Amino acid sequence: MEVVLQNNLILIRTGFDTLKSPLMSDFLNLHVQDMLFLPKAVLVFNNNSFKYEKEEFFKKLSQKYSQTQDFSTEFYWRSMMRYINQPIKIELVSHEEPQPIGVELYAHDSETVSISLYVPNLWVISYLRSQLELYIIKYSDTTLVVDVSKMLAKTRLERSLNRRHILHYQLQYRYNSQFMQRLYGDYAQFSFDEYEQEDENFESMLHYYTVLECPVGSSQDALKKSYKKLVKIYHPDKVHQENSDVVNHYTQKFQLLQEAYTALRIVS
């Protein structure tokens, strides 16, 4: 494990075994709503509601790290406390192949969806909770039941399911044609039949609608309006003074918006 005190955040580089330790898992589980999942990393934003818990986390972390580096625990803890209001980036250092995780999607109707893991996994459930917290009806170690009666909830669900890699895990979503029919049955103008035998094409189409934050089957006018709004928000020039992670995120989002809008215009 390596802890680096940077200007605007604390960077923790660690292996997967440490990431699964009670020290890390308890802290991250507490901050489900404050996390941004990145490729092989988690960014935990500051939340003053958990200031005491964060101080305790710093104490234990400084003790663990200083012992391996022959530092003074007291000195290192005081150094870390200067960063108490800064975000923490926990970066996974691993050369192992991503572990596949099966996730089953089931639509009870157009308003309720169940997301079930075949085996319990704290990180995948934490990711899904962090994305869907406002719409979760109930959850367990392996299952979330989500209210998608509002269009904003459907859009949020689509955006969440487009992420296929969480830390060390590769998510493999499984569903049948009835899932799409039930979930999007309200969009009579959109035909699902042509996509039933073309899973890859259908997933690409669904991904593009999600990127543009529009429901499946939206009109060209709706797509254009959303596209113009989002490219203004995510233009890289707006964040050129921020750190590289933020700039890269905005740049990738901006490029993806252009790709999605072009693809859906061609399909139409």
C-alpha atoms as a PDB file:
ATOM      1  CA  MET A   1       0.000   0.000   0.000  1.00  0.00           C
ATOM      2  CA  GLU A   2       1.141   3.535  -0.835  1.00  0.00           C
ATOM      3  CA  VAL A   3      -0.374   6.773   0.499  1.00  0.00           C
ATOM      4  CA  VAL A   4       0.430  10.003  -1.354  1.00  0.00           C
ATOM      5  CA  LEU A   5      -0.626  13.410  -0.016  1.00  0.00           C
ATOM      6  CA  GLN A   6      -1.282  15.512  -3.101  1.00  0.00           C
ATOM      7  CA  ASN A   7      -2.375  19.133  -3.370  1.00  0.00           C
ATOM      8  CA  ASN A   8      -6.060  18.470  -3.894  1.00  0.00           C
ATOM      9  CA  LEU A   9      -6.604  14.897  -2.688  1.00  0.00           C
ATOM     10  CA  ILE A  10      -5.216  11.884  -0.866  1.00  0.00           C
ATOM     11  CA  LEU A  11      -4.164   9.080  -3.209  1.00  0.00           C
ATOM     12  CA  ILE A  12      -4.111   5.535  -1.853  1.00  0.00           C
ATOM     13  CA  ARG A  13      -2.617   2.876  -4.124  1.00  0.00           C
ATOM     14  CA  THR A  14      -3.302  -0.607  -2.886  1.00  0.00           C
ATOM     15  CA  GLY A  15      -3.827  -4.218  -3.850  1.00  0.00           C
ATOM     16  CA  PHE A  16      -7.190  -5.927  -3.909  1.00  0.00           C
ATOM     17  CA  ASP A  17      -6.622  -7.749  -0.608  1.00  0.00           C
ATOM     18  CA  THR A  18      -6.262  -4.441   1.242  1.00  0.00           C
ATOM     19  CA  LEU A  19      -9.249  -3.028  -0.592  1.00  0.00           C
ATOM     20  CA  LYS A  20     -11.345  -5.904   0.771  1.00  0.00           C
ATOM     21  CA  SER A  21     -10.139  -5.372   4.365  1.00  0.00           C
ATOM     22  CA  PRO A  22     -12.626  -4.164   7.027  1.00  0.00           C
ATOM     23  CA  LEU A  23     -10.757  -0.835   7.227  1.00  0.00           C
ATOM     24  CA  MET A  24     -11.463  -0.016   3.585  1.00  0.00           C
ATOM     25  CA  SER A  25     -14.784  -1.772   3.079  1.00  0.00           C
ATOM     26  CA  ASP A  26     -16.396  -0.206   6.176  1.00  0.00           C
ATOM     27  CA  PHE A  27     -15.250   3.269   5.164  1.00  0.00           C
ATOM     28  CA  LEU A  28     -16.419   2.910   1.572  1.00  0.00           C
ATOM     29  CA  ASN A  29     -19.717   1.309   2.540  1.00  0.00           C
ATOM     30  CA  LEU A  30     -20.418   4.371   4.691  1.00  0.00           C
ATOM     31  CA  HIS A  31     -19.828   6.696   1.718  1.00  0.00           C
ATOM     32  CA  VAL A  32     -21.967   4.929  -0.879  1.00  0.00           C
ATOM     33  CA  GLN A  33     -23.627   8.182  -1.956  1.00  0.00           C
ATOM     34  CA  ASP A  34     -20.311  10.058  -2.080  1.00  0.00           C
ATOM     35  CA  MET A  35     -18.382   7.785  -4.425  1.00  0.00           C
ATOM     36  CA  LEU A  36     -17.428   8.068  -8.059  1.00  0.00           C
ATOM     37  CA  PHE A  37     -16.300   4.785  -9.599  1.00  0.00           C
ATOM     38  CA  LEU A  38     -13.419   5.160 -12.056  1.00  0.00           C
ATOM     39  CA  PRO A  39     -11.512   2.467 -13.994  1.00  0.00           C
ATOM     40  CA  LYS A  40      -9.693   0.491 -11.263  1.00  0.00           C
ATOM     41  CA  ALA A  41     -10.304   3.292  -8.749  1.00  0.00           C
ATOM     42  CA  VAL A  42     -12.871   4.878  -6.433  1.00  0.00           C
ATOM     43  CA  LEU A  43     -13.025   8.611  -5.742  1.00  0.00           C
ATOM     44  CA  VAL A  44     -14.607   9.363  -2.337  1.00  0.00           C
ATOM     45  CA  PHE A  45     -15.793  12.937  -1.941  1.00  0.00           C
ATOM     46  CA  ASN A  46     -15.838  14.710   1.400  1.00  0.00           C
ATOM     47  CA  ASN A  47     -19.013  14.473   3.466  1.00  0.00           C
ATOM     48  CA  ASN A  48     -19.044  16.507   6.683  1.00  0.00           C
ATOM     49  CA  SER A  49     -21.733  14.238   8.109  1.00  0.00           C
ATOM     50  CA  PHE A  50     -19.065  11.539   8.500  1.00  0.00           C
ATOM     51  CA  LYS A  51     -16.232  13.741   9.737  1.00  0.00           C
ATOM     52  CA  TYR A  52     -15.691  11.693  12.910  1.00  0.00           C
ATOM     53  CA  GLU A  53     -15.626   8.428  10.932  1.00  0.00           C
ATOM     54  CA  LYS A  54     -13.155   9.955   8.489  1.00  0.00           C
ATOM     55  CA  GLU A  55     -10.865  11.006  11.349  1.00  0.00           C
ATOM     56  CA  GLU A  56     -10.958   7.462  12.720  1.00  0.00           C
ATOM     57  CA  PHE A  57     -10.199   6.116   9.250  1.00  0.00           C
ATOM     58  CA  PHE A  58      -7.197   8.455   9.015  1.00  0.00           C
ATOM     59  CA  LYS A  59      -5.894   7.269  12.397  1.00  0.00           C
ATOM     60  CA  LYS A  60      -6.051   3.604  11.440  1.00  0.00           C
ATOM     61  CA  LEU A  61      -4.693   4.231   7.955  1.00  0.00           C
ATOM     62  CA  SER A  62      -1.745   6.314   9.198  1.00  0.00           C
ATOM     63  CA  GLN A  63      -0.926   3.650  11.779  1.00  0.00           C
ATOM     64  CA  LYS A  64      -1.021   0.881   9.188  1.00  0.00           C
ATOM     65  CA  TYR A  65       1.016   2.797   6.620  1.00  0.00           C
ATOM     66  CA  SER A  66       3.605   4.325   8.974  1.00  0.00           C
ATOM     67  CA  GLN A  67       4.459   0.879  10.348  1.00  0.00           C
ATOM     68  CA  THR A  68       5.377  -0.367   6.883  1.00  0.00           C
ATOM     69  CA  GLN A  69       7.412   2.768   6.082  1.00  0.00           C
ATOM     70  CA  ASP A  70       9.093   3.288   9.454  1.00  0.00           C
ATOM     71  CA  PHE A  71       7.409   6.675   9.893  1.00  0.00           C
ATOM     72  CA  SER A  72       6.230   8.310  13.094  1.00  0.00           C
ATOM     73  CA  THR A  73       2.517   7.420  13.336  1.00  0.00           C
ATOM     74  CA  GLU A  74       1.684  10.626  15.186  1.00  0.00           C
ATOM     75  CA  PHE A  75       3.496  12.801  12.651  1.00  0.00           C
ATOM     76  CA  TYR A  76       1.912  11.092   9.656  1.00  0.00           C
ATOM     77  CA  TRP A  77      -1.563  11.226  11.176  1.00  0.00           C
ATOM     78  CA  ARG A  78      -1.223  14.980  11.754  1.00  0.00           C
ATOM     79  CA  SER A  79      -0.039  15.392   8.177  1.00  0.00           C
ATOM     80  CA  MET A  80      -3.085  13.525   6.904  1.00  0.00           C
ATOM     81  CA  MET A  81      -5.432  15.600   9.047  1.00  0.00           C
ATOM     82  CA  ARG A  82      -4.485  18.637   6.992  1.00  0.00           C
ATOM     83  CA  TYR A  83      -6.369  16.913   4.155  1.00  0.00           C
ATOM     84  CA  ILE A  84      -9.492  16.092   6.165  1.00  0.00           C
ATOM     85  CA  ASN A  85     -11.745  18.086   3.789  1.00  0.00           C
ATOM     86  CA  GLN A  86     -10.173  16.767   0.584  1.00  0.00           C
ATOM     87  CA  PRO A  87     -11.441  13.824  -1.496  1.00  0.00           C
ATOM     88  CA  ILE A  88      -9.739  10.447  -1.327  1.00  0.00           C
ATOM     89  CA  LYS A  89      -8.834   8.479  -4.435  1.00  0.00           C
ATOM     90  CA  ILE A  90      -8.327   4.774  -3.822  1.00  0.00           C
ATOM     91  CA  GLU A  91      -6.542   3.243  -6.789  1.00  0.00           C
ATOM     92  CA  LEU A  92      -6.392  -0.497  -7.355  1.00  0.00           C
ATOM     93  CA  VAL A  93      -2.970  -1.815  -8.353  1.00  0.00           C
ATOM     94  CA  SER A  94      -3.547  -5.254  -9.798  1.00  0.00           C
ATOM     95  CA  HIS A  95      -2.320  -7.206 -12.813  1.00  0.00           C
ATOM     96  CA  GLU A  96      -4.945  -9.913 -12.454  1.00  0.00           C
ATOM     97  CA  GLU A  97      -7.567 -10.496 -15.134  1.00  0.00           C
ATOM     98  CA  PRO A  98     -10.962  -8.907 -14.311  1.00  0.00           C
ATOM     99  CA  GLN A  99     -13.292 -11.291 -12.521  1.00  0.00           C
ATOM    100  CA  PRO A 100     -16.665 -11.769 -14.289  1.00  0.00           C
ATOM    101  CA  ILE A 101     -19.783 -11.084 -12.200  1.00  0.00           C
ATOM    102  CA  GLY A 102     -23.175 -12.248 -13.488  1.00  0.00           C
ATOM    103  CA  VAL A 103     -26.032  -9.786 -12.981  1.00  0.00           C
ATOM    104  CA  GLU A 104     -29.615 -10.682 -13.878  1.00  0.00           C
ATOM    105  CA  LEU A 105     -32.115  -7.973 -14.859  1.00  0.00           C
ATOM    106  CA  TYR A 106     -35.853  -8.587 -14.492  1.00  0.00           C
ATOM    107  CA  ALA A 107     -38.651  -6.133 -15.277  1.00  0.00           C
ATOM    108  CA  HIS A 108     -41.798  -6.837 -13.261  1.00  0.00           C
ATOM    109  CA  ASP A 109     -43.527  -4.195 -15.411  1.00  0.00           C
ATOM    110  CA  SER A 110     -42.667  -0.781 -16.879  1.00  0.00           C
ATOM    111  CA  GLU A 111     -42.253   0.693 -13.361  1.00  0.00           C
ATOM    112  CA  THR A 112     -40.303  -1.867 -11.325  1.00  0.00           C
ATOM    113  CA  VAL A 113     -36.981  -3.585 -12.036  1.00  0.00           C
ATOM    114  CA  SER A 114     -34.996  -6.142 -10.012  1.00  0.00           C
ATOM    115  CA  ILE A 115     -31.216  -6.333 -10.312  1.00  0.00           C
ATOM    116  CA  SER A 116     -29.791  -9.557  -8.869  1.00  0.00           C
ATOM    117  CA  LEU A 117     -26.210 -10.774  -8.457  1.00  0.00           C
ATOM    118  CA  TYR A 118     -25.589 -14.483  -8.767  1.00  0.00           C
ATOM    119  CA  VAL A 119     -23.112 -14.274  -5.878  1.00  0.00           C
ATOM    120  CA  PRO A 120     -22.809 -11.542  -3.184  1.00  0.00           C
ATOM    121  CA  ASN A 121     -20.363  -8.754  -4.037  1.00  0.00           C
ATOM    122  CA  LEU A 122     -19.984  -5.660  -1.855  1.00  0.00           C
ATOM    123  CA  TRP A 123     -18.343  -3.529  -4.557  1.00  0.00           C
ATOM    124  CA  VAL A 124     -20.858  -4.156  -7.307  1.00  0.00           C
ATOM    125  CA  ILE A 125     -23.800  -3.650  -4.943  1.00  0.00           C
ATOM    126  CA  SER A 126     -22.163  -0.467  -3.616  1.00  0.00           C
ATOM    127  CA  TYR A 127     -21.746   0.817  -7.155  1.00  0.00           C
ATOM    128  CA  LEU A 128     -25.380   0.120  -8.048  1.00  0.00           C
ATOM    129  CA  ARG A 129     -26.582   1.673  -4.789  1.00  0.00           C
ATOM    130  CA  SER A 130     -24.467   4.777  -5.382  1.00  0.00           C
ATOM    131  CA  GLN A 131     -26.072   5.214  -8.810  1.00  0.00           C
ATOM    132  CA  LEU A 132     -29.681   4.330  -7.963  1.00  0.00           C
ATOM    133  CA  GLU A 133     -30.036   5.290  -4.287  1.00  0.00           C
ATOM    134  CA  LEU A 134     -32.955   7.690  -4.838  1.00  0.00           C
ATOM    135  CA  TYR A 135     -35.038   5.044  -6.598  1.00  0.00           C
ATOM    136  CA  ILE A 136     -34.307   1.893  -4.586  1.00  0.00           C
ATOM    137  CA  ILE A 137     -37.393   0.322  -2.989  1.00  0.00           C
ATOM    138  CA  LYS A 138     -35.453  -2.365  -1.115  1.00  0.00           C
ATOM    139  CA  TYR A 139     -32.084  -4.080  -1.294  1.00  0.00           C
ATOM    140  CA  SER A 140     -30.039  -6.945   0.123  1.00  0.00           C
ATOM    141  CA  ASP A 141     -26.488  -8.250  -0.327  1.00  0.00           C
ATOM    142  CA  THR A 142     -27.411  -9.581  -3.768  1.00  0.00           C
ATOM    143  CA  THR A 143     -30.543  -7.765  -4.985  1.00  0.00           C
ATOM    144  CA  LEU A 144     -31.870  -4.265  -5.634  1.00  0.00           C
ATOM    145  CA  VAL A 145     -35.500  -3.510  -6.434  1.00  0.00           C
ATOM    146  CA  VAL A 146     -35.756  -0.180  -8.245  1.00  0.00           C
ATOM    147  CA  ASP A 147     -38.724   2.098  -8.933  1.00  0.00           C
ATOM    148  CA  VAL A 148     -38.374   3.314 -12.536  1.00  0.00           C
ATOM    149  CA  SER A 149     -41.845   4.817 -12.893  1.00  0.00           C
ATOM    150  CA  LYS A 150     -40.319   8.242 -13.604  1.00  0.00           C
ATOM    151  CA  MET A 151     -38.389   8.836 -16.801  1.00  0.00           C
ATOM    152  CA  LEU A 152     -35.458  10.278 -14.864  1.00  0.00           C
ATOM    153  CA  ALA A 153     -35.193   6.955 -12.997  1.00  0.00           C
ATOM    154  CA  LYS A 154     -35.186   4.985 -16.260  1.00  0.00           C
ATOM    155  CA  THR A 155     -32.455   7.203 -17.630  1.00  0.00           C
ATOM    156  CA  ARG A 156     -30.434   6.758 -14.449  1.00  0.00           C
ATOM    157  CA  LEU A 157     -30.855   2.969 -14.656  1.00  0.00           C
ATOM    158  CA  GLU A 158     -29.699   2.910 -18.274  1.00  0.00           C
ATOM    159  CA  ARG A 159     -26.661   5.023 -17.434  1.00  0.00           C
ATOM    160  CA  SER A 160     -25.757   2.740 -14.531  1.00  0.00           C
ATOM    161  CA  LEU A 161     -26.021  -0.437 -16.612  1.00  0.00           C
ATOM    162  CA  ASN A 162     -23.699   0.964 -19.254  1.00  0.00           C
ATOM    163  CA  ARG A 163     -20.765   0.676 -16.845  1.00  0.00           C
ATOM    164  CA  ARG A 164     -19.290  -2.780 -17.382  1.00  0.00           C
ATOM    165  CA  HIS A 165     -16.099  -2.595 -15.276  1.00  0.00           C
ATOM    166  CA  ILE A 166     -16.076  -1.902 -11.532  1.00  0.00           C
ATOM    167  CA  LEU A 167     -12.617  -2.047  -9.958  1.00  0.00           C
ATOM    168  CA  HIS A 168     -11.494  -5.647 -10.458  1.00  0.00           C
ATOM    169  CA  TYR A 169     -14.866  -6.884 -11.780  1.00  0.00           C
ATOM    170  CA  GLN A 170     -16.369  -7.229 -15.228  1.00  0.00           C
ATOM    171  CA  LEU A 171     -20.156  -7.036 -15.114  1.00  0.00           C
ATOM    172  CA  GLN A 172     -22.073  -9.406 -17.360  1.00  0.00           C
ATOM    173  CA  TYR A 173     -25.742  -8.381 -17.548  1.00  0.00           C
ATOM    174  CA  ARG A 174     -28.285 -10.995 -18.536  1.00  0.00           C
ATOM    175  CA  TYR A 175     -31.886 -10.391 -19.590  1.00  0.00           C
ATOM    176  CA  ASN A 176     -34.374 -11.602 -22.171  1.00  0.00           C
ATOM    177  CA  SER A 177     -36.547  -9.829 -24.748  1.00  0.00           C
ATOM    178  CA  GLN A 178     -39.409  -9.579 -22.237  1.00  0.00           C
ATOM    179  CA  PHE A 179     -37.254  -7.307 -20.090  1.00  0.00           C
ATOM    180  CA  MET A 180     -37.087  -4.725 -22.877  1.00  0.00           C
ATOM    181  CA  GLN A 181     -40.732  -5.130 -23.859  1.00  0.00           C
ATOM    182  CA  ARG A 182     -41.952  -4.578 -20.303  1.00  0.00           C
ATOM    183  CA  LEU A 183     -39.564  -1.766 -19.486  1.00  0.00           C
ATOM    184  CA  TYR A 184     -40.149   0.199 -22.698  1.00  0.00           C
ATOM    185  CA  GLY A 185     -43.642  -0.954 -23.618  1.00  0.00           C
ATOM    186  CA  ASP A 186     -44.893   2.645 -23.453  1.00  0.00           C
ATOM    187  CA  TYR A 187     -42.866   3.581 -26.558  1.00  0.00           C
ATOM    188  CA  ALA A 188     -45.156   2.180 -29.227  1.00  0.00           C
ATOM    189  CA  GLN A 189     -43.284   4.027 -31.962  1.00  0.00           C
ATOM    190  CA  PHE A 190     -40.136   2.031 -31.265  1.00  0.00           C
ATOM    191  CA  SER A 191     -39.837  -1.522 -32.583  1.00  0.00           C
ATOM    192  CA  PHE A 192     -37.847  -4.038 -30.555  1.00  0.00           C
ATOM    193  CA  ASP A 193     -38.338  -6.943 -32.942  1.00  0.00           C
ATOM    194  CA  GLU A 194     -35.464  -6.006 -35.269  1.00  0.00           C
ATOM    195  CA  TYR A 195     -33.042  -6.046 -32.330  1.00  0.00           C
ATOM    196  CA  GLU A 196     -34.048  -9.325 -30.687  1.00  0.00           C
ATOM    197  CA  GLN A 197     -31.374 -11.299 -32.563  1.00  0.00           C
ATOM    198  CA  GLU A 198     -28.784  -8.498 -32.513  1.00  0.00           C
ATOM    199  CA  ASP A 199     -27.849  -8.042 -28.875  1.00  0.00           C
ATOM    200  CA  GLU A 200     -24.689  -6.076 -29.628  1.00  0.00           C
ATOM    201  CA  ASN A 201     -26.496  -3.590 -31.899  1.00  0.00           C
ATOM    202  CA  PHE A 202     -29.316  -3.184 -29.435  1.00  0.00           C
ATOM    203  CA  GLU A 203     -26.938  -2.532 -26.536  1.00  0.00           C
ATOM    204  CA  SER A 204     -25.120   0.099 -28.598  1.00  0.00           C
ATOM    205  CA  MET A 205     -28.425   1.808 -29.418  1.00  0.00           C
ATOM    206  CA  LEU A 206     -29.525   1.743 -25.785  1.00  0.00           C
ATOM    207  CA  HIS A 207     -26.142   3.110 -24.742  1.00  0.00           C
ATOM    208  CA  TYR A 208     -26.448   6.078 -27.107  1.00  0.00           C
ATOM    209  CA  TYR A 209     -29.891   7.032 -25.826  1.00  0.00           C
ATOM    210  CA  THR A 210     -28.493   6.856 -22.303  1.00  0.00           C
ATOM    211  CA  VAL A 211     -25.544   9.089 -23.165  1.00  0.00           C
ATOM    212  CA  LEU A 212     -27.936  11.718 -24.506  1.00  0.00           C
ATOM    213  CA  GLU A 213     -30.151  11.299 -21.410  1.00  0.00           C
ATOM    214  CA  CYS A 214     -33.208  10.636 -23.546  1.00  0.00           C
ATOM    215  CA  PRO A 215     -35.749   7.800 -23.326  1.00  0.00           C
ATOM    216  CA  VAL A 216     -35.590   5.095 -25.957  1.00  0.00           C
ATOM    217  CA  GLY A 217     -37.547   6.111 -29.049  1.00  0.00           C
ATOM    218  CA  SER A 218     -37.237   9.871 -28.486  1.00  0.00           C
ATOM    219  CA  SER A 219     -37.848  12.165 -31.451  1.00  0.00           C
ATOM    220  CA  GLN A 220     -35.047  13.861 -33.376  1.00  0.00           C
ATOM    221  CA  ASP A 221     -36.085  17.202 -31.884  1.00  0.00           C
ATOM    222  CA  ALA A 222     -35.745  15.803 -28.346  1.00  0.00           C
ATOM    223  CA  LEU A 223     -32.349  14.275 -29.139  1.00  0.00           C
ATOM    224  CA  LYS A 224     -31.083  17.529 -30.650  1.00  0.00           C
ATOM    225  CA  LYS A 225     -32.288  19.600 -27.692  1.00  0.00           C
ATOM    226  CA  SER A 226     -30.630  17.284 -25.160  1.00  0.00           C
ATOM    227  CA  TYR A 227     -27.439  17.098 -27.207  1.00  0.00           C
ATOM    228  CA  LYS A 228     -27.071  20.888 -27.337  1.00  0.00           C
ATOM    229  CA  LYS A 229     -27.674  21.181 -23.604  1.00  0.00           C
ATOM    230  CA  LEU A 230     -25.162  18.467 -22.663  1.00  0.00           C
ATOM    231  CA  VAL A 231     -22.316  19.602 -24.934  1.00  0.00           C
ATOM    232  CA  LYS A 232     -22.458  22.998 -23.238  1.00  0.00           C
ATOM    233  CA  ILE A 233     -22.219  21.335 -19.817  1.00  0.00           C
ATOM    234  CA  TYR A 234     -19.425  18.898 -20.702  1.00  0.00           C
ATOM    235  CA  HIS A 235     -17.252  21.022 -22.974  1.00  0.00           C
ATOM    236  CA  PRO A 236     -13.624  20.404 -21.845  1.00  0.00           C
ATOM    237  CA  ASP A 237     -12.841  24.134 -21.932  1.00  0.00           C
ATOM    238  CA  LYS A 238     -15.059  24.597 -18.867  1.00  0.00           C
ATOM    239  CA  VAL A 239     -12.715  22.517 -16.675  1.00  0.00           C
ATOM    240  CA  HIS A 240      -9.288  23.129 -18.209  1.00  0.00           C
ATOM    241  CA  GLN A 241      -7.953  24.342 -14.846  1.00  0.00           C
ATOM    242  CA  GLU A 242      -9.122  21.266 -12.924  1.00  0.00           C
ATOM    243  CA  ASN A 243      -7.054  18.125 -12.259  1.00  0.00           C
ATOM    244  CA  SER A 244      -6.400  15.628 -15.068  1.00  0.00           C
ATOM    245  CA  ASP A 245      -9.085  13.145 -13.927  1.00  0.00           C
ATOM    246  CA  VAL A 246     -11.814  15.768 -14.250  1.00  0.00           C
ATOM    247  CA  VAL A 247     -10.495  17.031 -17.622  1.00  0.00           C
ATOM    248  CA  ASN A 248     -10.314  13.473 -19.014  1.00  0.00           C
ATOM    249  CA  HIS A 249     -13.837  12.720 -17.789  1.00  0.00           C
ATOM    250  CA  TYR A 250     -15.269  15.816 -19.499  1.00  0.00           C
ATOM    251  CA  THR A 251     -13.301  15.165 -22.699  1.00  0.00           C
ATOM    252  CA  GLN A 252     -14.495  11.554 -22.934  1.00  0.00           C
ATOM    253  CA  LYS A 253     -18.076  12.588 -22.187  1.00  0.00           C
ATOM    254  CA  PHE A 254     -17.948  15.332 -24.836  1.00  0.00           C
ATOM    255  CA  GLN A 255     -16.619  12.918 -27.478  1.00  0.00           C
ATOM    256  CA  LEU A 256     -19.205  10.296 -26.545  1.00  0.00           C
ATOM    257  CA  LEU A 257     -22.030  12.825 -26.884  1.00  0.00           C
ATOM    258  CA  GLN A 258     -20.906  13.579 -30.426  1.00  0.00           C
ATOM    259  CA  GLU A 259     -20.668   9.867 -31.262  1.00  0.00           C
ATOM    260  CA  ALA A 260     -24.117   9.109 -29.822  1.00  0.00           C
ATOM    261  CA  TYR A 261     -25.870  11.988 -31.576  1.00  0.00           C
ATOM    262  CA  THR A 262     -24.274  11.108 -34.916  1.00  0.00           C
ATOM    263  CA  ALA A 263     -25.202   7.421 -34.567  1.00  0.00           C
ATOM    264  CA  LEU A 264     -28.847   8.052 -33.677  1.00  0.00           C
ATOM    265  CA  ARG A 265     -29.258  10.576 -36.494  1.00  0.00           C
ATOM    266  CA  ILE A 266     -27.970   7.979 -38.977  1.00  0.00           C
ATOM    267  CA  VAL A 267     -30.337   5.318 -37.574  1.00  0.00           C
ATOM    268  CA  SER A 268     -33.273   7.686 -37.956  1.00  0.00           C
END
